[in-house]
Amino acid sequence: MTDPKNPERQQGARRHTALPKAQTLVEALPWLTRHNGKVVVIKFGGNAMVDEELKAAFAQDVVFLRQAGLKPVVVHGGGPQISAQLDRHGLVSEFKAGLRVTTPEAMDVVRMVLAGQVQRELVGLLNQHGPLAVGMTGEDAHTITAVKHFPRIEGESVDIGRVGEITAIDTGAIEALLADGRIPVVSSIARAADDHHVYNVNADTAAAALAAALGAETLMVLTDVEGLYEDWPNSDDVISKLTATELEKLLPDLSSGMVPKMQGCLFAVRNGVHTARVIDGRVQHSILLEIFTDEGIGTMVVPDAPAGPGSTAGTDVSGTTQEGETR
């Protein structure tokens, strides 16, 4: 209890209550040092995209990363918003092989929602903290090039409209923005090199491809679950960490919603990204909790240990990665 007649005691009490803040900053120091100057690609989605408080917390996290010396790149989709807008236009939302069937009419809506609604709102939230964020789509500067994607259902190739499969990434525009201290916010739309059509690209896939092309330190995928479950639905125990090979063995048994996220993580760590993480976007400041604390709150995927006699790099049984990162 503070003593209003004793200023020195009041000041001491304030110092005492501020101590946990200092301890938190000290705990974050090795992580700040490790990630300083590194690119972090964040896929924004799930509840974090539609809940106002979560959106605000997400923006704060991303700005914190930038101010702490990291180089965040945000990639977003907009499933709930697209479905709502399609409904307003009297267009049916249909999914095949886990992907949205995208007619030319639906593609116009997708483009409008991603670049004109979701992206602008996110850029606005980030720029409340300063002139930092710049919105762009995969079309801009040929950042993402795609071809028409034909998924296979029961062994047969299926036409699902303007859905794209990424064929090339040009990071020039993003790297220029990062060099200027900006935060690129990228909508998952791509243009084809041959037919010049615009395609809807899965945002998880786009984020993974950009992370690999940028040589990112980390890919972070926000979702609506705690992470990758060990034995869902029989158990809600979350796998804290696994290697690329361990993840590959699990892929055939994963739920359809988790497949593109975990495929993206697998692609990323097998193409130069040091870690890929699936984290719970329903938790405020989940990005900071995951990247700047010892415990982490999601599932982290790391590359396989290099083969060869006497090799000590990679992941060992103690849970230490190539960079010495523990969970």
Protein backbone atom coordinates (compact mmCIF):
# COMPACT_ATOMS: atom_id res chain seq x y z
CA MET A 1 0.00 0.00 0.00
CA THR A 2 1.45 3.39 -1.01
CA ASP A 3 1.91 6.20 1.47
CA PRO A 4 0.62 9.55 0.06
CA LYS A 5 2.72 11.40 2.63
CA ASN A 6 5.96 9.70 1.61
CA PRO A 7 7.04 10.53 -2.00
CA GLU A 8 10.17 8.37 -1.76
CA ARG A 9 8.11 5.31 -0.85
CA GLN A 10 5.72 6.06 -3.74
CA GLN A 11 8.62 6.27 -6.16
CA GLY A 12 10.00 2.99 -4.89
CA ALA A 13 6.63 1.30 -5.38
CA ARG A 14 6.48 2.55 -8.98
CA ARG A 15 9.96 1.16 -9.61
CA HIS A 16 8.89 -2.15 -8.17
CA THR A 17 5.79 -2.43 -10.38
CA ALA A 18 7.86 -1.51 -13.45
CA LEU A 19 10.37 -4.31 -12.78
CA PRO A 20 8.43 -7.01 -14.72
CA LYS A 21 8.56 -4.74 -17.79
CA ALA A 22 12.33 -4.53 -17.49
CA GLN A 23 12.57 -8.32 -17.07
CA THR A 24 10.46 -8.83 -20.21
CA LEU A 25 12.75 -6.55 -22.20
CA VAL A 26 15.82 -8.38 -20.93
CA GLU A 27 14.31 -11.72 -21.92
CA ALA A 28 13.67 -10.35 -25.41
CA LEU A 29 17.24 -9.08 -25.85
CA PRO A 30 18.83 -12.26 -27.33
CA TRP A 31 15.91 -12.65 -29.71
CA LEU A 32 16.14 -9.00 -30.76
CA THR A 33 19.86 -9.46 -31.39
CA ARG A 34 19.32 -12.65 -33.37
CA HIS A 35 16.61 -11.23 -35.61
CA ASN A 36 18.00 -7.72 -36.08
CA GLY A 37 18.01 -6.79 -39.76
CA LYS A 38 16.29 -10.04 -40.78
CA VAL A 39 13.21 -10.35 -42.97
CA VAL A 40 10.10 -11.81 -41.32
CA VAL A 41 7.16 -12.72 -43.56
CA ILE A 42 3.80 -12.79 -41.77
CA LYS A 43 0.63 -14.27 -43.24
CA PHE A 44 -2.31 -12.36 -41.82
CA GLY A 45 -5.57 -14.30 -41.61
CA GLY A 46 -8.15 -16.03 -39.45
CA ASN A 47 -9.88 -14.30 -36.52
CA ALA A 48 -7.09 -11.73 -36.38
CA MET A 49 -8.45 -10.40 -39.67
CA VAL A 50 -12.04 -9.78 -38.54
CA ASP A 51 -11.81 -8.94 -34.81
CA GLU A 52 -11.16 -5.22 -34.23
CA GLU A 53 -9.03 -5.66 -31.09
CA LEU A 54 -6.97 -8.43 -32.69
CA LYS A 55 -6.43 -6.33 -35.82
CA ALA A 56 -5.18 -3.44 -33.72
CA ALA A 57 -2.86 -5.73 -31.73
CA PHE A 58 -1.55 -7.27 -34.96
CA ALA A 59 -0.69 -3.83 -36.31
CA GLN A 60 1.11 -2.95 -33.08
CA ASP A 61 3.13 -6.17 -33.26
CA VAL A 62 4.20 -5.58 -36.85
CA VAL A 63 5.22 -1.99 -36.13
CA PHE A 64 7.11 -3.18 -33.04
CA LEU A 65 9.08 -5.65 -35.19
CA ARG A 66 10.00 -2.87 -37.59
CA GLN A 67 11.02 -0.48 -34.81
CA ALA A 68 13.04 -3.27 -33.17
CA GLY A 69 15.21 -3.62 -36.27
CA LEU A 70 13.45 -6.42 -38.13
CA LYS A 71 12.03 -6.17 -41.67
CA PRO A 72 8.42 -7.40 -41.61
CA VAL A 73 6.51 -8.21 -44.81
CA VAL A 74 2.77 -8.84 -44.46
CA VAL A 75 0.87 -11.10 -46.87
CA HIS A 76 -2.90 -11.36 -46.58
CA GLY A 77 -5.92 -13.05 -48.04
CA GLY A 78 -9.49 -12.21 -47.12
CA GLY A 79 -11.73 -15.27 -47.15
CA PRO A 80 -14.52 -14.00 -44.84
CA GLN A 81 -14.65 -10.60 -46.52
CA ILE A 82 -14.69 -12.13 -50.01
CA SER A 83 -17.52 -14.49 -49.10
CA ALA A 84 -19.56 -11.61 -47.66
CA GLN A 85 -19.05 -9.47 -50.75
CA LEU A 86 -19.86 -12.32 -53.13
CA ASP A 87 -23.10 -12.84 -51.22
CA ARG A 88 -23.97 -9.16 -51.61
CA HIS A 89 -23.45 -9.49 -55.36
CA GLY A 90 -25.59 -12.63 -55.52
CA LEU A 91 -22.61 -14.83 -56.39
CA VAL A 92 -22.30 -18.28 -54.83
CA SER A 93 -19.22 -19.18 -52.77
CA GLU A 94 -18.14 -22.65 -53.85
CA PHE A 95 -15.04 -24.59 -52.84
CA LYS A 96 -13.33 -27.56 -54.48
CA ALA A 97 -10.18 -29.26 -53.23
CA GLY A 98 -10.13 -26.66 -50.44
CA LEU A 99 -9.90 -23.76 -52.93
CA ARG A 100 -12.45 -21.13 -53.87
CA VAL A 101 -13.97 -21.63 -57.30
CA THR A 102 -13.24 -18.24 -58.88
CA THR A 103 -15.24 -17.29 -61.96
CA PRO A 104 -14.25 -14.12 -63.88
CA GLU A 105 -17.12 -12.31 -62.07
CA ALA A 106 -15.93 -13.63 -58.71
CA MET A 107 -12.35 -12.61 -59.55
CA ASP A 108 -13.47 -9.00 -59.92
CA VAL A 109 -14.91 -9.19 -56.41
CA VAL A 110 -11.79 -10.92 -55.03
CA ARG A 111 -9.56 -8.24 -56.51
CA MET A 112 -11.76 -5.44 -55.18
CA VAL A 113 -11.96 -6.90 -51.65
CA LEU A 114 -8.27 -7.79 -51.29
CA ALA A 115 -6.72 -4.67 -52.79
CA GLY A 116 -9.49 -2.18 -52.07
CA GLN A 117 -10.80 -3.23 -48.68
CA VAL A 118 -8.66 -5.61 -46.63
CA GLN A 119 -5.33 -4.18 -47.72
CA ARG A 120 -6.39 -0.56 -47.28
CA GLU A 121 -7.70 -1.21 -43.77
CA LEU A 122 -4.50 -2.98 -42.74
CA VAL A 123 -2.29 -0.28 -44.24
CA GLY A 124 -4.34 2.31 -42.36
CA LEU A 125 -3.92 0.49 -39.05
CA LEU A 126 -0.16 0.24 -39.51
CA ASN A 127 0.14 3.85 -40.57
CA GLN A 128 -1.53 5.05 -37.39
CA HIS A 129 1.96 4.53 -35.94
CA GLY A 130 3.79 6.48 -38.65
CA PRO A 131 4.27 6.58 -42.44
CA LEU A 132 5.39 2.97 -42.60
CA ALA A 133 3.13 0.65 -44.60
CA VAL A 134 2.79 0.50 -48.38
CA GLY A 135 0.09 -1.63 -50.00
CA MET A 136 0.70 -3.64 -53.16
CA THR A 137 -0.57 -6.76 -54.87
CA GLY A 138 1.26 -9.62 -56.49
CA GLU A 139 0.44 -7.97 -59.81
CA ASP A 140 2.60 -4.94 -59.02
CA ALA A 141 6.06 -5.01 -60.61
CA HIS A 142 5.42 -8.69 -61.53
CA THR A 143 5.99 -9.58 -57.88
CA ILE A 144 3.97 -12.81 -58.21
CA THR A 145 3.47 -14.59 -61.54
CA ALA A 146 1.10 -17.52 -61.83
CA VAL A 147 -0.51 -19.95 -64.22
CA LYS A 148 -3.99 -21.36 -64.05
CA HIS A 149 -4.20 -24.06 -61.41
CA PHE A 150 -6.01 -27.33 -62.09
CA PRO A 151 -6.36 -29.32 -58.83
CA ARG A 152 -6.91 -33.07 -59.02
CA ILE A 153 -10.02 -34.49 -57.40
CA GLU A 154 -10.36 -38.27 -57.32
CA GLY A 155 -7.62 -38.53 -59.92
CA GLU A 156 -9.16 -36.04 -62.36
CA SER A 157 -8.03 -32.53 -63.24
CA VAL A 158 -10.71 -29.97 -62.33
CA ASP A 159 -11.23 -26.43 -63.64
CA ILE A 160 -11.91 -24.06 -60.72
CA GLY A 161 -11.62 -20.82 -62.67
CA ARG A 162 -9.22 -17.97 -61.95
CA VAL A 163 -7.18 -19.74 -59.29
CA GLY A 164 -3.44 -19.46 -59.78
CA GLU A 165 -0.40 -21.59 -59.16
CA ILE A 166 2.74 -19.55 -58.53
CA THR A 167 5.47 -19.89 -61.17
CA ALA A 168 7.79 -16.99 -60.35
CA ILE A 169 8.54 -14.38 -57.68
CA ASP A 170 10.25 -11.03 -58.32
CA THR A 171 11.23 -9.46 -55.00
CA GLY A 172 12.62 -6.22 -56.43
CA ALA A 173 9.75 -3.95 -55.39
CA ILE A 174 9.50 -5.48 -51.91
CA GLU A 175 13.24 -5.22 -51.33
CA ALA A 176 13.20 -1.56 -52.39
CA LEU A 177 10.43 -0.85 -49.87
CA LEU A 178 12.30 -2.69 -47.11
CA ALA A 179 15.48 -0.76 -47.90
CA ASP A 180 13.47 2.44 -47.49
CA GLY A 181 12.27 1.34 -44.06
CA ARG A 182 8.72 0.57 -45.20
CA ILE A 183 6.42 -2.34 -44.37
CA PRO A 184 5.12 -4.00 -47.57
CA VAL A 185 1.54 -5.26 -47.33
CA VAL A 186 0.93 -7.71 -50.17
CA SER A 187 -2.45 -8.94 -51.42
CA SER A 188 -2.37 -12.53 -52.73
CA ILE A 189 -3.26 -11.75 -56.35
CA ALA A 190 -1.05 -12.68 -59.31
CA ARG A 191 -0.92 -12.06 -63.03
CA ALA A 192 -0.11 -14.69 -65.65
CA ALA A 193 2.74 -14.18 -68.11
CA ASP A 194 0.93 -15.89 -71.00
CA ASP A 195 -2.80 -15.08 -70.96
CA HIS A 196 -2.40 -11.90 -68.82
CA HIS A 197 -5.33 -12.92 -66.66
CA VAL A 198 -5.36 -12.03 -62.98
CA TYR A 199 -5.50 -14.99 -60.61
CA ASN A 200 -6.55 -15.59 -57.03
CA VAL A 201 -3.64 -17.21 -55.17
CA ASN A 202 -3.82 -18.98 -51.82
CA ALA A 203 -2.35 -16.52 -49.30
CA ASP A 204 -0.53 -19.23 -47.31
CA THR A 205 1.19 -20.37 -50.50
CA ALA A 206 2.01 -16.81 -51.53
CA ALA A 207 3.52 -16.02 -48.12
CA ALA A 208 5.71 -19.14 -48.23
CA ALA A 209 6.91 -18.39 -51.76
CA LEU A 210 7.77 -14.80 -50.86
CA ALA A 211 9.55 -15.88 -47.67
CA ALA A 212 11.74 -18.29 -49.65
CA ALA A 213 12.46 -15.76 -52.41
CA LEU A 214 13.38 -13.07 -49.87
CA GLY A 215 15.61 -15.42 -47.87
CA ALA A 216 13.51 -14.64 -44.81
CA GLU A 217 14.60 -15.59 -41.33
CA THR A 218 11.08 -16.64 -40.40
CA LEU A 219 7.66 -17.31 -41.92
CA MET A 220 4.79 -16.78 -39.48
CA VAL A 221 1.28 -17.99 -40.35
CA LEU A 222 -1.60 -16.75 -38.21
CA THR A 223 -4.50 -19.16 -37.90
CA ASP A 224 -7.51 -19.92 -35.68
CA VAL A 225 -6.01 -22.84 -33.77
CA GLU A 226 -3.23 -23.11 -31.20
CA GLY A 227 -0.89 -24.81 -33.64
CA LEU A 228 -0.50 -28.25 -35.19
CA TYR A 229 -2.18 -30.85 -32.99
CA GLU A 230 -0.49 -34.18 -32.29
CA ASP A 231 -3.61 -36.33 -32.68
CA TRP A 232 -6.63 -34.23 -33.56
CA PRO A 233 -9.51 -34.72 -32.74
CA ASN A 234 -8.49 -37.29 -30.14
CA SER A 235 -6.12 -34.88 -28.40
CA ASP A 236 -5.62 -31.12 -28.25
CA ASP A 237 -1.91 -31.39 -27.42
CA VAL A 238 0.03 -29.04 -29.70
CA ILE A 239 3.30 -30.05 -31.33
CA SER A 240 5.75 -27.37 -30.22
CA LYS A 241 8.41 -28.15 -32.80
CA LEU A 242 9.11 -30.57 -35.63
CA THR A 243 11.48 -31.01 -38.56
CA ALA A 244 10.61 -30.82 -42.24
CA THR A 245 10.69 -34.61 -42.62
CA GLU A 246 8.48 -35.11 -39.57
CA LEU A 247 5.97 -32.63 -40.99
CA GLU A 248 6.01 -34.26 -44.41
CA LYS A 249 4.97 -37.58 -42.85
CA LEU A 250 2.00 -35.89 -41.13
CA LEU A 251 0.68 -33.99 -44.17
CA PRO A 252 -1.56 -36.76 -45.60
CA ASP A 253 -3.55 -36.94 -42.35
CA LEU A 254 -4.03 -33.22 -41.74
CA SER A 255 -7.38 -31.43 -42.01
CA SER A 256 -7.98 -29.65 -45.31
CA GLY A 257 -7.71 -26.23 -43.66
CA MET A 258 -4.26 -26.92 -42.24
CA VAL A 259 -2.80 -28.49 -45.39
CA PRO A 260 -1.91 -25.28 -47.31
CA LYS A 261 -0.51 -23.69 -44.15
CA MET A 262 1.73 -26.64 -43.34
CA GLN A 263 2.66 -27.18 -46.99
CA GLY A 264 3.73 -23.56 -47.03
CA CYS A 265 5.83 -24.07 -43.90
CA LEU A 266 7.43 -27.15 -45.43
CA PHE A 267 8.23 -25.34 -48.68
CA ALA A 268 9.70 -22.40 -46.79
CA VAL A 269 12.13 -24.34 -44.59
CA ARG A 270 13.22 -26.48 -47.53
CA ASN A 271 13.99 -23.35 -49.53
CA GLY A 272 16.20 -21.38 -47.21
CA VAL A 273 13.86 -20.00 -44.53
CA HIS A 274 15.30 -20.78 -41.09
CA THR A 275 12.03 -21.36 -39.24
CA ALA A 276 8.34 -21.46 -40.13
CA ARG A 277 5.72 -21.02 -37.43
CA VAL A 278 1.96 -21.55 -37.21
CA ILE A 279 0.58 -19.44 -34.38
CA ASP A 280 -2.79 -18.70 -32.83
CA GLY A 281 -4.03 -15.40 -34.22
CA ARG A 282 -6.82 -15.37 -31.63
CA VAL A 283 -4.27 -14.45 -28.95
CA GLN A 284 -3.42 -10.77 -28.72
CA HIS A 285 0.24 -10.03 -29.48
CA SER A 286 0.81 -13.65 -30.48
CA ILE A 287 3.56 -12.57 -32.89
CA LEU A 288 5.62 -11.00 -30.13
CA LEU A 289 4.98 -13.92 -27.77
CA GLU A 290 6.18 -16.35 -30.41
CA ILE A 291 9.26 -14.55 -31.63
CA PHE A 292 10.56 -12.84 -28.50
CA THR A 293 9.97 -15.35 -25.69
CA ASP A 294 11.58 -18.64 -24.74
CA GLU A 295 8.36 -20.63 -24.65
CA GLY A 296 6.62 -19.65 -27.90
CA ILE A 297 2.93 -20.33 -28.35
CA GLY A 298 2.54 -22.20 -31.64
CA THR A 299 4.18 -24.87 -33.78
CA MET A 300 7.65 -24.25 -35.19
CA VAL A 301 8.99 -26.10 -38.24
CA VAL A 302 12.75 -26.27 -38.76
CA PRO A 303 14.91 -27.69 -41.57
CA ASP A 304 16.25 -31.20 -41.31
CA ALA A 305 19.73 -31.63 -39.89
CA PRO A 306 22.38 -31.80 -42.65
CA ALA A 307 23.44 -35.36 -43.37
CA GLY A 308 27.01 -36.41 -42.88
CA PRO A 309 29.36 -37.89 -40.29
CA GLY A 310 30.03 -35.73 -37.29
CA SER A 311 27.45 -33.12 -38.25
CA THR A 312 26.12 -31.17 -35.28
CA ALA A 313 24.08 -28.56 -37.13
CA GLY A 314 20.34 -28.69 -37.49
CA THR A 315 17.96 -29.93 -34.84
CA ASP A 316 19.09 -32.25 -32.06
CA VAL A 317 17.17 -34.11 -29.41
CA SER A 318 17.42 -31.18 -27.01
CA GLY A 319 15.28 -29.09 -29.32
CA THR A 320 18.05 -26.69 -30.40
CA THR A 321 17.94 -25.44 -33.98
CA GLN A 322 20.80 -24.49 -36.27
CA GLU A 323 20.79 -21.04 -34.70
CA GLY A 324 20.58 -22.38 -31.15
CA GLU A 325 16.89 -21.50 -30.83
CA THR A 326 15.01 -23.50 -28.21
CA ARG A 327 11.36 -23.99 -27.43
